[in-house]
Amino acid sequence: MPAAPASAQERPGDPLVDTHGRVHRDLRISLTDRCSLRCTYCMPDQGNEWLARSSILTTDEIARVAGVAAAAGVTTFRLTGGEPLLRPDIVDVVSRIAALRDASGDPVHVAMTTNGIRLGEFLPDLIDAGLARVNISLDTIRRDRFRELTRRDRLDDVLDGIAAARDSGLRPLKINAVAMRDVNDDEIVDLVEFAISQDAQMRFIEQMPLDAGHTWDRGRMVTRAEILDALSTRWALAEVPGRGGAPAERWTLDGGPHTVGVIASVTAPFCGDCDRMRLTADGQFRNCLFSTTEYDLLPILRADEASDDGIDGLLRTCVRGKLPGHAINDPSFLQPTRGMNAIGG
């Protein structure tokens, strides 16, 4: 989608405010659509159509876009995929972004979401490069179930990555699990106990309609209420106030210090406080995880006379196009054509 003229009131360096008054401070950058796992709720085992390599943003392009976003008030950059650790220049990407300053002159915050498989290998260099925080995906701690769910026998590698993150001192350390009926809903308590043993916060995510095969079934989704009911059989829960724009609601366990989070995008949407934008690996701005509209940055980035003002203008156009909410619960809702691996987690 071409960039629309910027509002007369907006100039490069102004905050990124949408038409509903939400100020955007978080940009999630997907580095690749490829992944070392094939989770059944995300992508098929075979026959995936990968993004063209020529369309994947280079390190220089990513750093340039991040610099424009930081000048516009973005303070947090989360690197996602696919699996971001499959990107051979991952340490350089982190270093280039971590060197940026936000609009207030403070260093930006760089985080990453990963499946953890190569984390032990890269983590020391990533920390030296400026990585501040990491989220690791783990839907089950049962070996047979992990192999069935991910179609890969890599549980030991993930556990090694979690252990490396635990020992690194990066905090808060978060472990994410998609809760699925008759798949891992009997492990909700076990997963939290495992996370506690790793000095991590467990976060459960309601399964969302973002699979590449478009096979999402609301009936197989474990709801926020069901997750909390399961947790309540083991701990006394007390909600943590001050959520702000964070996607997860949090509860203390037996008064703390440990907490658990729930991201209930389907049954308890938090769109009214959303401050996130996304950039796909092939240079598309997205203003919502569930958006069916993308804003193509490549023609601007790769033009003979590319300008930061052009990048800023498209980012602002994308922000202004953001709807009040994702409308998952509306009968007219359409699932995005891209799967989660191509959008970026």
Protein backbone atom coordinates (compact mmCIF):
# COMPACT_ATOMS: atom_id res chain seq x y z
CA MET A 1 0.00 0.00 0.00
CA PRO A 2 1.49 3.40 -0.91
CA ALA A 3 2.18 5.96 1.77
CA ALA A 4 -0.49 8.56 2.29
CA PRO A 5 0.51 12.15 2.94
CA ALA A 6 1.40 12.70 6.57
CA SER A 7 -1.03 14.63 8.69
CA ALA A 8 -0.32 18.35 8.79
CA GLN A 9 0.15 18.01 12.55
CA GLU A 10 2.71 15.18 12.24
CA ARG A 11 6.39 15.55 11.57
CA PRO A 12 9.33 13.14 11.79
CA GLY A 13 10.22 12.83 15.46
CA ASP A 14 6.66 13.27 16.69
CA PRO A 15 5.13 10.38 18.70
CA LEU A 16 3.33 7.64 16.77
CA VAL A 17 -0.29 8.22 17.77
CA ASP A 18 -3.20 6.52 16.03
CA THR A 19 -6.69 7.94 15.52
CA HIS A 20 -7.84 6.30 18.77
CA GLY A 21 -5.20 8.03 20.89
CA ARG A 22 -2.89 5.06 21.37
CA VAL A 23 0.81 5.98 21.47
CA HIS A 24 3.02 3.32 19.85
CA ARG A 25 6.32 2.52 21.55
CA ASP A 26 6.91 -1.12 20.58
CA LEU A 27 8.07 -2.44 17.18
CA ARG A 28 8.29 -6.17 16.62
CA ILE A 29 10.71 -7.04 13.83
CA SER A 30 10.56 -10.45 12.18
CA LEU A 31 13.96 -11.55 10.90
CA THR A 32 12.89 -14.65 8.97
CA ASP A 33 9.84 -16.80 8.26
CA ARG A 34 11.89 -19.99 8.60
CA CYS A 35 11.88 -22.13 11.72
CA SER A 36 13.68 -25.19 13.07
CA LEU A 37 10.40 -26.62 14.38
CA ARG A 38 7.10 -27.43 12.67
CA CYS A 39 4.55 -26.86 15.41
CA THR A 40 1.20 -28.29 14.35
CA TYR A 41 -0.70 -25.12 15.24
CA CYS A 42 1.67 -22.91 13.23
CA MET A 43 2.78 -24.50 9.95
CA PRO A 44 2.70 -27.74 7.96
CA ASP A 45 5.62 -30.17 8.13
CA GLN A 46 6.14 -30.04 4.36
CA GLY A 47 5.16 -27.82 1.44
CA ASN A 48 5.76 -24.44 3.06
CA GLU A 49 6.15 -21.52 0.68
CA TRP A 50 9.01 -19.44 2.08
CA LEU A 51 9.52 -15.75 1.48
CA ALA A 52 11.81 -14.96 -1.44
CA ARG A 53 15.35 -14.39 -0.19
CA SER A 54 15.63 -11.25 -2.31
CA SER A 55 12.74 -9.71 -0.36
CA ILE A 56 14.23 -10.33 3.11
CA LEU A 57 15.44 -7.13 4.73
CA THR A 58 19.20 -6.76 5.10
CA THR A 59 20.89 -5.84 8.35
CA ASP A 60 21.45 -2.29 7.07
CA GLU A 61 17.78 -1.97 6.13
CA ILE A 62 16.60 -3.25 9.50
CA ALA A 63 18.93 -0.88 11.33
CA ARG A 64 17.74 2.04 9.23
CA VAL A 65 14.05 1.35 9.87
CA ALA A 66 14.73 0.85 13.57
CA GLY A 67 16.54 4.16 13.70
CA VAL A 68 13.58 5.99 12.16
CA ALA A 69 11.19 4.22 14.56
CA ALA A 70 13.36 5.10 17.57
CA ALA A 71 13.35 8.75 16.55
CA ALA A 72 9.54 8.56 16.44
CA GLY A 73 9.28 7.31 20.01
CA VAL A 74 9.69 3.55 19.79
CA THR A 75 11.54 2.40 22.91
CA THR A 76 11.31 -1.40 22.63
CA PHE A 77 12.30 -3.60 19.73
CA ARG A 78 11.43 -7.29 19.86
CA LEU A 79 13.14 -9.60 17.37
CA THR A 80 11.00 -12.50 16.23
CA GLY A 81 10.51 -14.99 13.40
CA GLY A 82 10.03 -17.73 12.41
CA GLU A 83 13.07 -18.47 14.49
CA PRO A 84 15.32 -15.40 14.74
CA LEU A 85 18.39 -17.45 15.71
CA LEU A 86 18.38 -18.98 12.22
CA ARG A 87 19.44 -15.60 10.91
CA PRO A 88 23.26 -15.79 10.44
CA ASP A 89 23.74 -12.09 11.23
CA ILE A 90 21.62 -12.16 14.38
CA VAL A 91 24.36 -10.81 16.67
CA ASP A 92 25.01 -7.91 14.30
CA VAL A 93 21.29 -7.13 14.10
CA VAL A 94 21.06 -6.97 17.89
CA SER A 95 24.20 -4.83 18.11
CA ARG A 96 23.00 -2.34 15.49
CA ILE A 97 19.60 -1.87 17.14
CA ALA A 98 20.93 -1.80 20.71
CA ALA A 99 23.21 1.10 19.75
CA LEU A 100 20.19 3.30 18.99
CA ARG A 101 18.75 5.97 21.26
CA ASP A 102 15.06 6.72 21.58
CA ALA A 103 13.46 10.14 21.21
CA SER A 104 14.39 11.00 24.80
CA GLY A 105 18.04 10.10 24.24
CA ASP A 106 17.90 6.88 26.27
CA PRO A 107 19.16 3.52 24.94
CA VAL A 108 16.42 1.45 23.33
CA HIS A 109 15.43 -1.92 24.78
CA VAL A 110 16.09 -5.01 22.63
CA ALA A 111 14.26 -8.28 23.36
CA MET A 112 13.86 -11.55 21.49
CA THR A 113 11.34 -14.36 21.21
CA THR A 114 12.93 -17.71 20.33
CA ASN A 115 12.29 -21.44 20.45
CA GLY A 116 15.55 -21.67 22.37
CA ILE A 117 17.18 -24.36 20.25
CA ARG A 118 20.33 -22.35 19.46
CA LEU A 119 20.15 -19.99 22.40
CA GLY A 120 22.99 -21.53 24.39
CA GLU A 121 25.26 -21.14 21.37
CA PHE A 122 24.49 -17.47 20.76
CA LEU A 123 23.50 -16.04 24.14
CA PRO A 124 26.89 -14.77 25.39
CA ASP A 125 27.47 -12.85 22.16
CA LEU A 126 23.88 -11.61 22.10
CA ILE A 127 24.20 -10.24 25.62
CA ASP A 128 27.48 -8.55 24.72
CA ALA A 129 25.71 -7.05 21.69
CA GLY A 130 23.00 -5.53 23.91
CA LEU A 131 20.17 -8.07 24.17
CA ALA A 132 18.23 -7.20 27.32
CA ARG A 133 15.52 -9.84 27.55
CA VAL A 134 14.40 -13.14 26.06
CA ASN A 135 11.13 -15.06 25.80
CA ILE A 136 11.35 -18.79 25.05
CA SER A 137 8.52 -20.85 23.58
CA LEU A 138 7.82 -24.22 25.23
CA ASP A 139 4.40 -25.85 24.98
CA THR A 140 5.19 -29.10 26.78
CA ILE A 141 7.88 -30.67 28.94
CA ARG A 142 6.92 -34.20 27.93
CA ARG A 143 9.37 -35.62 25.40
CA ASP A 144 6.88 -37.69 23.41
CA ARG A 145 4.40 -34.84 23.29
CA PHE A 146 7.07 -32.31 22.25
CA ARG A 147 8.11 -34.55 19.36
CA GLU A 148 4.50 -35.00 18.25
CA LEU A 149 3.61 -31.32 18.60
CA THR A 150 6.72 -29.86 16.93
CA ARG A 151 7.46 -32.78 14.56
CA ARG A 152 11.05 -32.56 15.75
CA ASP A 153 12.92 -34.33 18.59
CA ARG A 154 14.59 -31.19 19.99
CA LEU A 155 13.32 -30.91 23.57
CA ASP A 156 16.80 -31.30 25.06
CA ASP A 157 18.05 -28.41 22.92
CA VAL A 158 15.21 -26.17 24.10
CA LEU A 159 15.82 -27.10 27.73
CA ASP A 160 19.52 -26.33 27.28
CA GLY A 161 18.58 -22.92 25.89
CA ILE A 162 16.32 -22.22 28.86
CA ALA A 163 19.08 -23.23 31.25
CA ALA A 164 21.50 -20.90 29.47
CA ALA A 165 19.04 -18.03 29.80
CA ARG A 166 18.47 -18.85 33.47
CA ASP A 167 22.19 -18.80 34.17
CA SER A 168 22.78 -15.63 32.14
CA GLY A 169 20.96 -13.40 34.57
CA LEU A 170 18.67 -11.88 31.91
CA ARG A 171 15.49 -11.00 33.74
CA PRO A 172 12.60 -11.18 33.54
CA LEU A 173 12.94 -14.53 31.79
CA LYS A 174 9.63 -15.62 30.27
CA ILE A 175 8.49 -18.98 28.94
CA ASN A 176 5.51 -18.97 26.56
CA ALA A 177 3.08 -21.83 25.95
CA VAL A 178 0.05 -21.99 23.68
CA ALA A 179 -2.68 -23.74 25.65
CA MET A 180 -4.50 -26.36 23.56
CA ARG A 181 -7.36 -28.64 24.46
CA ASP A 182 -6.49 -32.34 24.63
CA VAL A 183 -2.90 -31.46 23.71
CA ASN A 184 -1.22 -29.83 26.70
CA ASP A 185 -4.06 -28.56 28.91
CA ASP A 186 -3.17 -31.25 31.46
CA GLU A 187 0.31 -29.67 31.87
CA ILE A 188 -0.70 -26.18 32.97
CA VAL A 189 0.41 -26.67 36.57
CA ASP A 190 3.47 -28.71 35.53
CA LEU A 191 4.65 -25.99 33.15
CA VAL A 192 4.38 -23.33 35.85
CA GLU A 193 6.31 -25.47 38.31
CA PHE A 194 9.00 -26.01 35.67
CA ALA A 195 9.19 -22.26 35.00
CA ILE A 196 9.56 -21.54 38.72
CA SER A 197 12.45 -24.01 38.85
CA GLN A 198 14.16 -21.93 36.13
CA ASP A 199 13.46 -18.59 37.86
CA ALA A 200 11.16 -17.75 34.94
CA GLN A 201 7.62 -16.47 34.51
CA MET A 202 5.28 -18.88 32.73
CA ARG A 203 2.86 -17.27 30.27
CA PHE A 204 -0.05 -19.07 28.67
CA ILE A 205 -1.38 -17.87 25.33
CA GLU A 206 -4.87 -18.53 24.03
CA GLN A 207 -4.55 -20.24 20.66
CA MET A 208 -5.25 -17.69 17.91
CA PRO A 209 -6.36 -18.00 14.26
CA LEU A 210 -2.87 -17.54 12.85
CA ASP A 211 -1.91 -20.98 11.53
CA ALA A 212 -0.66 -21.21 7.96
CA GLY A 213 -3.17 -23.96 7.18
CA HIS A 214 -6.18 -21.98 8.49
CA THR A 215 -7.36 -24.93 10.58
CA TRP A 216 -7.94 -22.97 13.82
CA ASP A 217 -10.89 -24.28 15.80
CA ARG A 218 -12.27 -22.15 18.63
CA GLY A 219 -13.48 -25.31 20.35
CA ARG A 220 -9.88 -26.52 20.79
CA MET A 221 -8.76 -23.26 22.35
CA VAL A 222 -8.25 -23.31 26.11
CA THR A 223 -9.70 -20.06 27.44
CA ARG A 224 -8.31 -17.63 29.98
CA ALA A 225 -10.97 -18.73 32.47
CA GLU A 226 -10.02 -22.38 32.08
CA ILE A 227 -6.31 -21.60 32.51
CA LEU A 228 -7.00 -19.67 35.70
CA ASP A 229 -9.24 -22.43 37.01
CA ALA A 230 -6.46 -24.97 36.48
CA LEU A 231 -3.91 -22.75 38.22
CA SER A 232 -6.28 -22.17 41.12
CA THR A 233 -6.22 -25.86 41.96
CA ARG A 234 -2.57 -25.45 42.97
CA TRP A 235 -2.04 -21.79 43.97
CA ALA A 236 -3.92 -18.84 45.38
CA LEU A 237 -3.95 -16.22 42.62
CA ALA A 238 -3.93 -12.45 43.05
CA GLU A 239 -4.01 -10.18 40.02
CA VAL A 240 -1.03 -7.85 39.58
CA PRO A 241 -2.23 -4.28 38.88
CA GLY A 242 -0.70 -1.85 36.41
CA ARG A 243 -0.73 -3.93 33.24
CA GLY A 244 -0.52 -0.93 30.92
CA GLY A 245 0.05 -1.93 27.29
CA ALA A 246 1.53 -5.33 28.12
CA PRO A 247 -0.20 -8.23 26.34
CA ALA A 248 -0.17 -10.48 29.43
CA GLU A 249 -2.27 -10.15 32.54
CA ARG A 250 -0.28 -11.38 35.54
CA TRP A 251 -1.14 -13.05 38.82
CA THR A 252 1.02 -13.76 41.85
CA LEU A 253 1.22 -17.37 43.04
CA ASP A 254 0.52 -17.79 46.77
CA GLY A 255 1.40 -14.16 47.36
CA GLY A 256 4.61 -14.13 45.30
CA PRO A 257 7.35 -13.63 44.42
CA HIS A 258 6.54 -15.88 41.46
CA THR A 259 3.94 -14.84 38.90
CA VAL A 260 2.12 -16.34 35.95
CA GLY A 261 0.83 -14.54 32.88
CA VAL A 262 -2.10 -15.11 30.51
CA ILE A 263 -2.37 -13.57 27.05
CA ALA A 264 -6.07 -13.80 26.24
CA SER A 265 -6.26 -12.22 22.79
CA VAL A 266 -9.50 -14.05 21.97
CA THR A 267 -11.65 -14.02 25.11
CA ALA A 268 -10.29 -10.87 26.80
CA PRO A 269 -8.81 -8.63 24.07
CA PHE A 270 -6.51 -5.81 25.19
CA CYS A 271 -6.67 -3.82 21.95
CA GLY A 272 -7.59 -0.57 23.71
CA ASP A 273 -4.11 -0.34 25.22
CA CYS A 274 -2.11 -1.86 22.37
CA ASP A 275 1.09 0.05 21.60
CA ARG A 276 2.66 -2.41 19.14
CA MET A 277 3.50 -2.34 15.46
CA ARG A 278 5.08 -5.08 13.36
CA LEU A 279 7.60 -5.27 10.55
CA THR A 280 7.70 -8.52 8.60
CA ALA A 281 10.92 -10.08 7.35
CA ASP A 282 10.06 -8.97 3.82
CA GLY A 283 9.48 -5.33 4.72
CA GLN A 284 5.76 -5.00 5.37
CA PHE A 285 4.52 -2.77 8.18
CA ARG A 286 1.51 -4.20 10.02
CA ASN A 287 -0.50 -2.35 12.65
CA CYS A 288 -2.14 -5.45 14.13
CA LEU A 289 -1.26 -9.10 14.40
CA PHE A 290 -4.61 -9.90 12.74
CA SER A 291 -4.57 -7.18 10.12
CA THR A 292 -5.42 -8.05 6.53
CA THR A 293 -3.70 -4.84 5.34
CA GLU A 294 0.05 -4.38 4.96
CA TYR A 295 2.14 -1.32 4.11
CA ASP A 296 4.97 -2.16 1.72
CA LEU A 297 8.24 -0.59 2.78
CA LEU A 298 10.50 -2.19 0.15
CA PRO A 299 9.84 0.34 -2.65
CA ILE A 300 10.81 3.13 -0.26
CA LEU A 301 13.83 1.37 1.23
CA ARG A 302 15.22 0.27 -2.13
CA ALA A 303 14.47 3.36 -4.17
CA ASP A 304 17.41 5.17 -5.78
CA GLU A 305 16.70 8.14 -3.55
CA ALA A 306 15.48 6.41 -0.39
CA SER A 307 14.82 8.77 2.49
CA ASP A 308 14.22 8.42 6.20
CA ASP A 309 11.27 10.78 5.78
CA GLY A 310 9.68 8.25 3.42
CA ILE A 311 10.10 5.48 5.99
CA ASP A 312 8.68 7.71 8.71
CA GLY A 313 5.74 8.67 6.51
CA LEU A 314 4.78 5.06 5.78
CA LEU A 315 5.10 4.12 9.44
CA ARG A 316 2.75 6.96 10.37
CA THR A 317 0.31 5.96 7.63
CA CYS A 318 0.29 2.45 9.04
CA VAL A 319 -0.31 3.71 12.58
CA ARG A 320 -3.17 5.95 11.44
CA GLY A 321 -4.79 2.98 9.72
CA LYS A 322 -5.01 0.95 12.91
CA LEU A 323 -8.54 -0.16 13.80
CA PRO A 324 -9.97 -0.03 17.35
CA GLY A 325 -9.62 -3.80 17.69
CA HIS A 326 -8.98 -7.06 15.88
CA ALA A 327 -12.64 -8.19 15.75
CA ILE A 328 -11.86 -11.89 16.24
CA ASN A 329 -15.25 -12.30 17.87
CA ASP A 330 -17.11 -10.60 15.03
CA PRO A 331 -18.80 -12.91 12.49
CA SER A 332 -17.14 -10.94 9.68
CA PHE A 333 -13.61 -11.64 10.97
CA LEU A 334 -11.18 -12.82 8.30
CA GLN A 335 -8.02 -14.70 9.24
CA PRO A 336 -4.82 -13.12 7.86
CA THR A 337 -3.51 -14.85 4.77
CA ARG A 338 -0.05 -15.09 6.32
CA GLY A 339 0.69 -17.62 9.01
CA MET A 340 2.26 -16.59 12.29
CA ASN A 341 5.74 -17.59 11.11
CA ALA A 342 5.51 -15.09 8.23
CA ILE A 343 3.95 -12.29 10.30
CA GLY A 344 6.31 -12.49 13.27
CA GLY A 345 5.45 -13.46 16.80
